[in-house]
Amino acid sequence: MPAPDSRGATVPAAAARSAVAPPSFAARATSVEGSPVREILALTERPGVISFAGGLPAPELFDTEGLRAAYDSAFAASARRALQYSTTEGAPELRGAVAARATARGLTTGADDVLITSGSQQALTLITGALIEPGDVVLVENPTYLAALQCFGLAGARVVAVPCDEEGIIPEALADLVIRERPKLLYTIPTFQNPTGRTLPAGRRAAVAETAARLGLWLVEDDPYGELRYEGADVPWITAHPGAEDRTALLGSFSKVMAPGLRLGWLRAPAALRRAAVVAKQAADLHTSTVDQLAAAHYLAAADLDAHVARVRAAYKSRRDALLAHLGEALPAGSTWNRPEGGMFVWARLPEGHDATALLRTAIAHDVAFVPGAPFFTGAPDPRTLRLSFTTHTPQEIAEGLRRLAAAARTDGHAPGR
């Protein structure tokens, strides 16, 4: 049957079959790979799998009743407002609540300093769009958050790793790298880093701020896990150190302390950078969901989020401890791992000659999963590394998952440790 052309006229079917292909995708869309973490999560969705792969909050700990009441309050106060368009910057009451919480954590903040975003991932995308031109250099920790590498890759940035040790960024190496590479920004997760769980000490944070001020550098400080501390003392944000005030974008999220399905994050930045992010957000989605913002604001006004977070911290601490207590019995002899003071992840390294990706294939056959560390690296990866998240499962489930991991290690030809 003849096919219509663009003017509505019919053309022979043979001509329609020989139509010219549409133009190609942008190079950045084909040069950046999808997330291996998301692909692993898809593999582990079948019933019975115990997964240490995704950094997922425990759903049984969500305050479902409090959040349901908050949505009811948002509609009761003004359903018309809750269902209407809103301003790009965000609902004033939610911006004020975010500012109050930041101030309580030692960083004086006003509502006008805050932009509400659709998760902190969008905040990172907006800042990247506002600052990065194709070919610009972006510095990152090595390893670092996988979705940040995707974000910078899509922007056409040249991503360069900053030398790190077990405590994070080495300030002297950072200064040398800034002088040599002239980067546009440094992206860092200084508190309970993803994927390593490590925390940058206060002295190094001050040195990073001083380097940024002295050598001319934007800082992007991502803090999705900072409230999930199980031991040790809080460390001030880099943003709070002298030299960082006029050059730091601080990113925060409600995903880990309230619920990730809300898709609510926030950005605190100097006025000019914040304004550029607002313009970028207008082009992206106009504004974050009005009803979700108002529900969150009602929740923060009526509920005790700090008390809820304390309950979450207690549960996660016991899960971290359960993982650490028996990890040596599950991994091959000679493996090493860290003890994070908070957050969601333990970072481990298998002995020489081992490959975490190969172990994962065997582990999935035993209905247990983790994330190999290789995708988190810029440049040459360490194939022996792996990330284990402890927040999703109970201590009993974690113990069973580790028994399965030990069986996988034996099947893979490597005896577990002690």
Protein backbone atom coordinates (compact mmCIF):
# COMPACT_ATOMS: atom_id res chain seq x y z
CA MET A 1 0.00 0.00 0.00
CA PRO A 2 1.41 3.48 -0.86
CA ALA A 3 2.81 5.46 2.08
CA PRO A 4 2.03 9.18 2.69
CA ASP A 5 4.88 11.66 2.32
CA SER A 6 5.46 14.76 4.49
CA ARG A 7 2.80 16.70 2.53
CA GLY A 8 0.16 14.01 2.86
CA ALA A 9 0.57 12.75 -0.69
CA THR A 10 1.14 9.07 -1.30
CA VAL A 11 4.41 7.62 -2.52
CA PRO A 12 5.17 4.08 -3.66
CA ALA A 13 6.02 1.61 -0.90
CA ALA A 14 9.42 0.94 -2.47
CA ALA A 15 10.30 4.62 -2.19
CA ALA A 16 9.23 4.67 1.46
CA ARG A 17 11.50 1.68 2.18
CA SER A 18 14.48 3.49 0.68
CA ALA A 19 14.04 6.64 2.80
CA VAL A 20 17.21 8.32 4.05
CA ALA A 21 18.09 7.51 7.69
CA PRO A 22 17.69 10.33 10.24
CA PRO A 23 20.82 12.19 11.40
CA SER A 24 23.08 10.46 13.91
CA PHE A 25 22.99 10.88 17.68
CA ALA A 26 25.24 13.44 19.35
CA ALA A 27 28.68 12.01 19.98
CA ARG A 28 28.28 12.49 23.74
CA ALA A 29 25.18 10.27 23.72
CA THR A 30 27.11 7.33 22.30
CA SER A 31 30.44 7.89 24.05
CA VAL A 32 29.06 7.66 27.61
CA GLU A 33 28.10 4.18 28.73
CA GLY A 34 25.09 3.24 30.83
CA SER A 35 25.43 2.57 34.55
CA PRO A 36 26.69 -0.94 35.38
CA VAL A 37 25.12 -0.49 38.81
CA ARG A 38 21.66 -0.10 37.27
CA GLU A 39 22.29 -3.12 35.06
CA ILE A 40 23.32 -5.20 38.07
CA LEU A 41 20.20 -4.07 39.92
CA ALA A 42 18.09 -5.35 37.02
CA LEU A 43 19.81 -8.75 37.31
CA THR A 44 19.15 -8.91 41.04
CA GLU A 45 15.44 -8.06 40.98
CA ARG A 46 14.41 -11.71 40.86
CA PRO A 47 12.97 -13.02 44.14
CA GLY A 48 15.41 -14.47 46.63
CA VAL A 49 18.50 -12.49 45.63
CA ILE A 50 20.33 -10.76 48.48
CA SER A 51 21.95 -7.72 46.94
CA PHE A 52 24.76 -5.62 48.38
CA ALA A 53 24.88 -3.79 45.03
CA GLY A 54 22.58 -0.78 45.10
CA GLY A 55 22.83 2.08 47.57
CA LEU A 56 19.16 1.72 48.44
CA PRO A 57 17.62 2.97 51.68
CA ALA A 58 15.70 0.34 53.63
CA PRO A 59 12.03 0.69 52.62
CA GLU A 60 10.73 -0.68 55.93
CA LEU A 61 12.31 2.33 57.63
CA PHE A 62 10.43 4.92 55.58
CA ASP A 63 8.06 7.04 57.67
CA THR A 64 5.10 6.11 55.49
CA GLU A 65 2.46 7.33 57.92
CA GLY A 66 4.18 10.66 58.45
CA LEU A 67 4.63 11.21 54.73
CA ARG A 68 1.03 10.23 53.97
CA ALA A 69 -0.12 12.78 56.54
CA ALA A 70 2.18 15.38 54.98
CA TYR A 71 0.62 14.88 51.54
CA ASP A 72 -2.85 15.10 53.10
CA SER A 73 -1.83 18.37 54.75
CA ALA A 74 -0.49 19.76 51.49
CA PHE A 75 -3.82 19.12 49.79
CA ALA A 76 -5.85 20.29 52.77
CA ALA A 77 -3.95 23.58 52.94
CA SER A 78 -4.39 24.34 49.25
CA ALA A 79 -5.03 21.63 46.69
CA ARG A 80 -5.03 24.23 43.95
CA ARG A 81 -1.54 25.37 44.87
CA ALA A 82 -0.26 21.81 45.29
CA LEU A 83 -1.40 20.89 41.78
CA GLN A 84 -0.33 24.12 40.05
CA TYR A 85 2.91 25.25 38.42
CA SER A 86 5.44 26.78 40.80
CA THR A 87 8.54 28.94 40.71
CA THR A 88 11.80 27.48 39.45
CA GLU A 89 13.65 28.29 42.69
CA GLY A 90 11.24 26.17 44.74
CA ALA A 91 8.51 26.54 47.34
CA PRO A 92 9.55 29.24 49.85
CA GLU A 93 8.66 27.14 52.90
CA LEU A 94 10.79 24.21 51.72
CA ARG A 95 13.71 26.50 50.86
CA GLY A 96 13.40 27.99 54.33
CA ALA A 97 13.37 24.56 55.96
CA VAL A 98 16.47 23.48 54.04
CA ALA A 99 18.23 26.71 55.02
CA ALA A 100 17.33 26.20 58.67
CA ARG A 101 18.72 22.65 58.67
CA ALA A 102 21.96 23.80 57.00
CA THR A 103 22.32 26.60 59.54
CA ALA A 104 21.77 24.12 62.38
CA ARG A 105 24.66 22.06 60.96
CA GLY A 106 26.99 25.06 61.22
CA LEU A 107 26.61 26.77 57.84
CA THR A 108 24.66 30.01 58.02
CA THR A 109 22.17 29.84 55.16
CA GLY A 110 19.12 31.83 54.09
CA ALA A 111 16.17 30.64 52.02
CA ASP A 112 17.35 32.77 49.09
CA ASP A 113 20.64 30.82 49.06
CA VAL A 114 18.79 27.60 48.17
CA LEU A 115 17.48 26.12 44.91
CA ILE A 116 15.21 23.07 45.15
CA THR A 117 16.02 20.38 42.59
CA SER A 118 14.64 17.03 41.43
CA GLY A 119 17.14 15.07 43.49
CA SER A 120 20.73 16.11 44.07
CA GLN A 121 21.63 14.40 40.79
CA GLN A 122 19.79 17.19 38.98
CA ALA A 123 21.69 19.76 41.04
CA LEU A 124 24.93 18.27 39.76
CA THR A 125 23.62 18.33 36.19
CA LEU A 126 22.59 21.99 36.51
CA ILE A 127 25.96 23.05 37.91
CA THR A 128 27.75 21.11 35.19
CA GLY A 129 25.62 22.79 32.53
CA ALA A 130 26.31 26.21 34.04
CA LEU A 131 30.09 25.80 34.28
CA ILE A 132 31.43 23.20 31.85
CA GLU A 133 32.23 23.69 28.18
CA PRO A 134 33.34 20.75 26.02
CA GLY A 135 37.03 20.14 26.67
CA ASP A 136 37.08 21.74 30.13
CA VAL A 137 38.95 19.81 32.80
CA VAL A 138 37.00 18.45 35.78
CA LEU A 139 38.86 16.98 38.74
CA VAL A 140 37.39 14.04 40.66
CA GLU A 141 38.39 11.68 43.42
CA ASN A 142 39.47 8.25 42.23
CA PRO A 143 37.29 6.24 42.48
CA THR A 144 34.16 8.41 42.50
CA TYR A 145 30.38 8.42 42.10
CA LEU A 146 29.56 6.72 38.81
CA ALA A 147 26.67 9.01 37.82
CA ALA A 148 28.95 12.03 38.24
CA LEU A 149 31.33 10.53 35.68
CA GLN A 150 28.36 10.08 33.34
CA CYS A 151 27.28 13.69 33.91
CA PHE A 152 30.71 15.10 33.14
CA GLY A 153 31.11 12.79 30.16
CA LEU A 154 27.84 13.98 28.64
CA ALA A 155 29.03 17.57 29.06
CA GLY A 156 32.17 16.79 27.07
CA ALA A 157 34.53 17.40 29.98
CA ARG A 158 37.99 15.90 30.28
CA VAL A 159 37.89 14.14 33.63
CA VAL A 160 41.15 13.93 35.57
CA ALA A 161 41.67 11.98 38.79
CA VAL A 162 43.11 13.65 41.88
CA PRO A 163 45.57 11.45 43.80
CA CYS A 164 43.91 10.05 46.92
CA ASP A 165 44.85 7.83 49.84
CA GLU A 166 42.75 6.04 52.47
CA GLU A 167 41.56 9.42 53.83
CA GLY A 168 40.68 10.92 50.43
CA ILE A 169 42.15 13.83 48.48
CA ILE A 170 45.83 14.58 49.06
CA PRO A 171 45.90 18.41 49.22
CA GLU A 172 49.47 18.85 47.96
CA ALA A 173 48.74 16.65 44.94
CA LEU A 174 45.56 18.63 44.30
CA ALA A 175 47.47 21.93 44.20
CA ASP A 176 50.04 20.52 41.78
CA LEU A 177 47.27 19.18 39.55
CA VAL A 178 45.39 22.50 39.49
CA ILE A 179 48.54 24.33 38.42
CA ARG A 180 49.26 21.79 35.69
CA GLU A 181 45.75 21.12 34.32
CA ARG A 182 43.94 24.45 34.98
CA PRO A 183 40.63 22.71 35.71
CA LYS A 184 37.25 24.40 35.91
CA LEU A 185 36.02 22.57 39.00
CA LEU A 186 36.69 19.86 41.57
CA TYR A 187 33.87 17.44 42.34
CA THR A 188 34.12 15.76 45.73
CA ILE A 189 32.05 13.68 48.15
CA PRO A 190 34.06 14.35 51.30
CA THR A 191 31.77 12.65 53.82
CA PHE A 192 31.19 8.87 53.61
CA GLN A 193 32.20 8.92 49.97
CA ASN A 194 30.55 6.83 47.29
CA PRO A 195 31.93 4.26 46.59
CA THR A 196 34.66 4.05 49.26
CA GLY A 197 32.85 5.22 52.40
CA ARG A 198 35.90 7.28 53.46
CA THR A 199 35.70 10.75 55.05
CA LEU A 200 38.08 13.63 54.33
CA PRO A 201 39.55 15.01 57.59
CA ALA A 202 38.91 18.62 58.61
CA GLY A 203 42.50 19.71 58.00
CA ARG A 204 42.42 18.47 54.44
CA ARG A 205 39.06 20.18 53.86
CA ALA A 206 40.57 23.48 54.92
CA ALA A 207 43.50 22.88 52.57
CA VAL A 208 41.15 22.12 49.65
CA ALA A 209 39.27 25.38 50.30
CA GLU A 210 42.53 27.34 50.47
CA THR A 211 43.77 25.79 47.22
CA ALA A 212 40.53 26.65 45.44
CA ALA A 213 40.76 30.27 46.58
CA ARG A 214 44.47 30.66 45.84
CA LEU A 215 44.49 29.01 42.42
CA GLY A 216 41.00 29.83 41.15
CA LEU A 217 38.77 26.76 41.19
CA TRP A 218 35.08 25.98 41.58
CA LEU A 219 34.20 23.35 44.19
CA VAL A 220 31.21 21.04 44.00
CA GLU A 221 30.65 19.41 47.39
CA ASP A 222 28.15 16.55 47.22
CA ASP A 223 26.70 15.53 50.59
CA PRO A 224 23.95 12.91 50.29
CA TYR A 225 25.17 10.84 53.25
CA GLY A 226 26.38 13.38 55.82
CA GLU A 227 23.53 12.84 58.28
CA LEU A 228 24.12 9.07 58.38
CA ARG A 229 26.96 9.07 60.93
CA TYR A 230 27.26 6.04 63.24
CA GLU A 231 30.40 6.91 65.17
CA GLY A 232 33.01 9.67 65.46
CA ALA A 233 32.55 13.44 65.39
CA ASP A 234 30.90 15.50 62.66
CA VAL A 235 33.28 17.28 60.27
CA PRO A 236 32.30 20.72 58.91
CA TRP A 237 31.49 21.03 55.23
CA ILE A 238 34.28 22.26 52.94
CA THR A 239 31.84 25.07 52.14
CA ALA A 240 32.20 26.36 55.70
CA HIS A 241 35.99 26.83 55.48
CA PRO A 242 37.62 30.19 54.64
CA GLY A 243 38.25 30.56 50.94
CA ALA A 244 35.33 28.36 49.87
CA GLU A 245 32.48 30.80 50.48
CA ASP A 246 32.28 32.35 47.01
CA ARG A 247 33.17 29.29 44.94
CA THR A 248 31.38 26.23 46.36
CA ALA A 249 28.16 24.57 45.25
CA LEU A 250 26.89 22.40 48.11
CA LEU A 251 24.49 19.63 47.03
CA GLY A 252 22.09 17.91 49.43
CA SER A 253 19.29 15.38 49.21
CA PHE A 254 16.22 14.10 51.05
CA SER A 255 16.62 10.68 49.41
CA LYS A 256 18.64 9.07 52.20
CA VAL A 257 16.87 10.66 55.18
CA MET A 258 13.24 10.89 53.98
CA ALA A 259 12.57 8.83 50.84
CA PRO A 260 14.27 8.59 47.42
CA GLY A 261 10.95 8.35 45.59
CA LEU A 262 10.25 12.00 46.44
CA ARG A 263 13.12 12.99 44.11
CA LEU A 264 13.88 16.07 46.19
CA GLY A 265 17.32 17.63 46.48
CA TRP A 266 18.76 21.07 46.96
CA LEU A 267 21.60 23.29 45.90
CA ARG A 268 23.31 26.01 47.94
CA ALA A 269 25.61 28.21 45.87
CA PRO A 270 26.86 31.79 45.45
CA ALA A 271 24.27 34.08 43.87
CA ALA A 272 25.69 34.23 40.34
CA LEU A 273 26.18 30.48 40.08
CA ARG A 274 22.78 29.80 41.61
CA ARG A 275 21.16 32.12 39.07
CA ALA A 276 22.88 30.26 36.23
CA ALA A 277 21.59 26.99 37.69
CA VAL A 278 18.07 28.44 37.82
CA VAL A 279 18.22 29.27 34.12
CA ALA A 280 19.50 25.75 33.37
CA LYS A 281 16.66 24.28 35.42
CA GLN A 282 14.08 26.36 33.56
CA ALA A 283 15.31 24.73 30.36
CA ALA A 284 15.30 21.26 31.96
CA ASP A 285 11.97 20.94 33.78
CA LEU A 286 10.66 24.44 34.71
CA HIS A 287 10.47 23.44 38.40
CA THR A 288 10.45 20.48 40.76
CA SER A 289 7.09 18.84 41.53
CA THR A 290 4.97 21.30 43.53
CA VAL A 291 3.01 18.70 45.46
CA ASP A 292 6.15 16.84 46.52
CA GLN A 293 7.81 20.06 47.68
CA LEU A 294 4.79 21.11 49.72
CA ALA A 295 4.41 17.65 51.24
CA ALA A 296 8.08 17.71 52.27
CA ALA A 297 7.64 21.18 53.76
CA HIS A 298 4.61 20.02 55.75
CA TYR A 299 6.54 16.96 56.91
CA LEU A 300 9.46 19.07 58.12
CA ALA A 301 7.07 21.38 59.97
CA ALA A 302 4.98 18.65 61.63
CA ALA A 303 7.31 15.67 62.07
CA ASP A 304 10.62 15.31 63.86
CA LEU A 305 12.99 14.45 61.00
CA ASP A 306 15.98 14.38 63.34
CA ALA A 307 14.31 11.71 65.48
CA HIS A 308 13.50 9.71 62.35
CA VAL A 309 17.09 9.98 61.14
CA ALA A 310 18.30 8.81 64.55
CA ARG A 311 16.19 5.65 64.17
CA VAL A 312 17.56 5.10 60.67
CA ARG A 313 21.13 5.59 61.89
CA ALA A 314 20.68 3.01 64.64
CA ALA A 315 19.35 0.44 62.17
CA TYR A 316 22.07 1.12 59.62
CA LYS A 317 24.81 0.94 62.24
CA SER A 318 23.71 -2.55 63.22
CA ARG A 319 23.69 -3.54 59.54
CA ARG A 320 27.15 -2.10 58.97
CA ASP A 321 28.41 -3.97 61.99
CA ALA A 322 26.83 -7.22 60.77
CA LEU A 323 28.59 -6.87 57.42
CA LEU A 324 31.96 -6.05 58.97
CA ALA A 325 31.72 -8.84 61.54
CA HIS A 326 31.62 -11.63 58.95
CA LEU A 327 33.04 -10.11 55.76
CA GLY A 328 36.38 -11.84 56.38
CA GLU A 329 34.62 -15.21 56.27
CA ALA A 330 33.05 -14.42 52.89
CA LEU A 331 35.87 -12.89 50.85
CA PRO A 332 39.00 -14.74 49.67
CA ALA A 333 41.82 -14.97 52.17
CA GLY A 334 44.04 -11.90 52.02
CA SER A 335 41.23 -9.47 51.16
CA THR A 336 41.12 -6.06 52.84
CA TRP A 337 38.31 -3.60 53.56
CA ASN A 338 37.64 -0.37 55.43
CA ARG A 339 35.40 0.57 58.36
CA PRO A 340 33.34 3.62 57.38
CA GLU A 341 32.09 5.85 60.18
CA GLY A 342 28.79 6.33 58.37
CA GLY A 343 27.07 6.32 55.02
CA MET A 344 26.01 3.25 53.08
CA PHE A 345 29.10 1.52 51.71
CA VAL A 346 32.08 -0.68 52.59
CA TRP A 347 34.97 -0.72 50.10
CA ALA A 348 36.93 -3.95 49.75
CA ARG A 349 39.90 -5.20 47.75
CA LEU A 350 40.54 -8.81 46.79
CA PRO A 351 44.05 -10.29 46.89
CA GLU A 352 46.49 -10.01 44.00
CA GLY A 353 45.39 -11.98 40.96
CA HIS A 354 41.67 -11.80 41.74
CA ASP A 355 38.98 -10.07 39.69
CA ALA A 356 35.80 -8.75 41.31
CA THR A 357 33.82 -8.87 38.06
CA ALA A 358 34.59 -12.58 37.65
CA LEU A 359 33.55 -13.19 41.27
CA LEU A 360 30.30 -11.32 40.66
CA ARG A 361 29.29 -13.69 37.87
CA THR A 362 29.68 -16.61 40.25
CA ALA A 363 27.99 -14.72 43.09
CA ILE A 364 24.86 -14.01 41.03
CA ALA A 365 24.53 -17.75 40.40
CA HIS A 366 24.47 -18.09 44.21
CA ASP A 367 21.73 -15.43 44.53
CA VAL A 368 23.96 -12.73 46.01
CA ALA A 369 25.37 -9.60 44.38
CA PHE A 370 27.72 -6.67 44.88
CA VAL A 371 29.18 -3.99 42.60
CA PRO A 372 32.67 -4.41 41.16
CA GLY A 373 34.77 -1.32 41.76
CA ALA A 374 36.19 -0.92 38.25
CA PRO A 375 33.42 1.33 36.79
CA PHE A 376 33.97 3.93 39.53
CA PHE A 377 37.52 4.70 38.40
CA THR A 378 38.80 7.34 36.01
CA GLY A 379 41.58 5.90 33.89
CA ALA A 380 43.01 2.50 34.73
CA PRO A 381 40.71 0.74 37.23
CA ASP A 382 41.61 -1.60 40.06
CA PRO A 383 39.83 -4.83 39.05
CA ARG A 384 40.22 -6.29 42.54
CA THR A 385 37.95 -3.72 44.23
CA LEU A 386 34.27 -4.02 45.10
CA ARG A 387 31.60 -1.97 46.84
CA LEU A 388 29.14 -3.50 49.29
CA SER A 389 26.07 -1.63 50.48
CA PHE A 390 24.75 -2.68 53.88
CA THR A 391 21.61 -0.55 54.28
CA THR A 392 18.95 -2.50 52.39
CA HIS A 393 18.95 -5.78 54.32
CA THR A 394 18.54 -6.79 57.96
CA PRO A 395 21.51 -8.20 59.90
CA GLN A 396 20.05 -11.69 59.47
CA GLU A 397 19.75 -11.25 55.72
CA ILE A 398 23.27 -9.82 55.58
CA ALA A 399 24.60 -12.92 57.36
CA GLU A 400 22.87 -15.17 54.84
CA GLY A 401 24.15 -13.05 51.95
CA LEU A 402 27.70 -13.42 53.24
CA ARG A 403 27.30 -17.18 53.51
CA ARG A 404 26.27 -17.21 49.86
CA LEU A 405 29.20 -14.99 48.95
CA ALA A 406 31.56 -17.39 50.73
CA ALA A 407 30.09 -20.27 48.73
CA ALA A 408 30.58 -18.29 45.55
CA ALA A 409 34.22 -17.62 46.44
CA ARG A 410 34.76 -21.36 47.00
CA THR A 411 33.08 -22.17 43.68
CA ASP A 412 35.26 -19.57 42.02
CA GLY A 413 38.28 -21.49 43.27
CA HIS A 414 39.27 -19.17 46.12
CA ALA A 415 38.95 -20.07 49.78
CA PRO A 416 37.34 -17.44 52.00
CA GLY A 417 39.35 -15.89 54.82
CA ARG A 418 39.16 -16.49 58.55
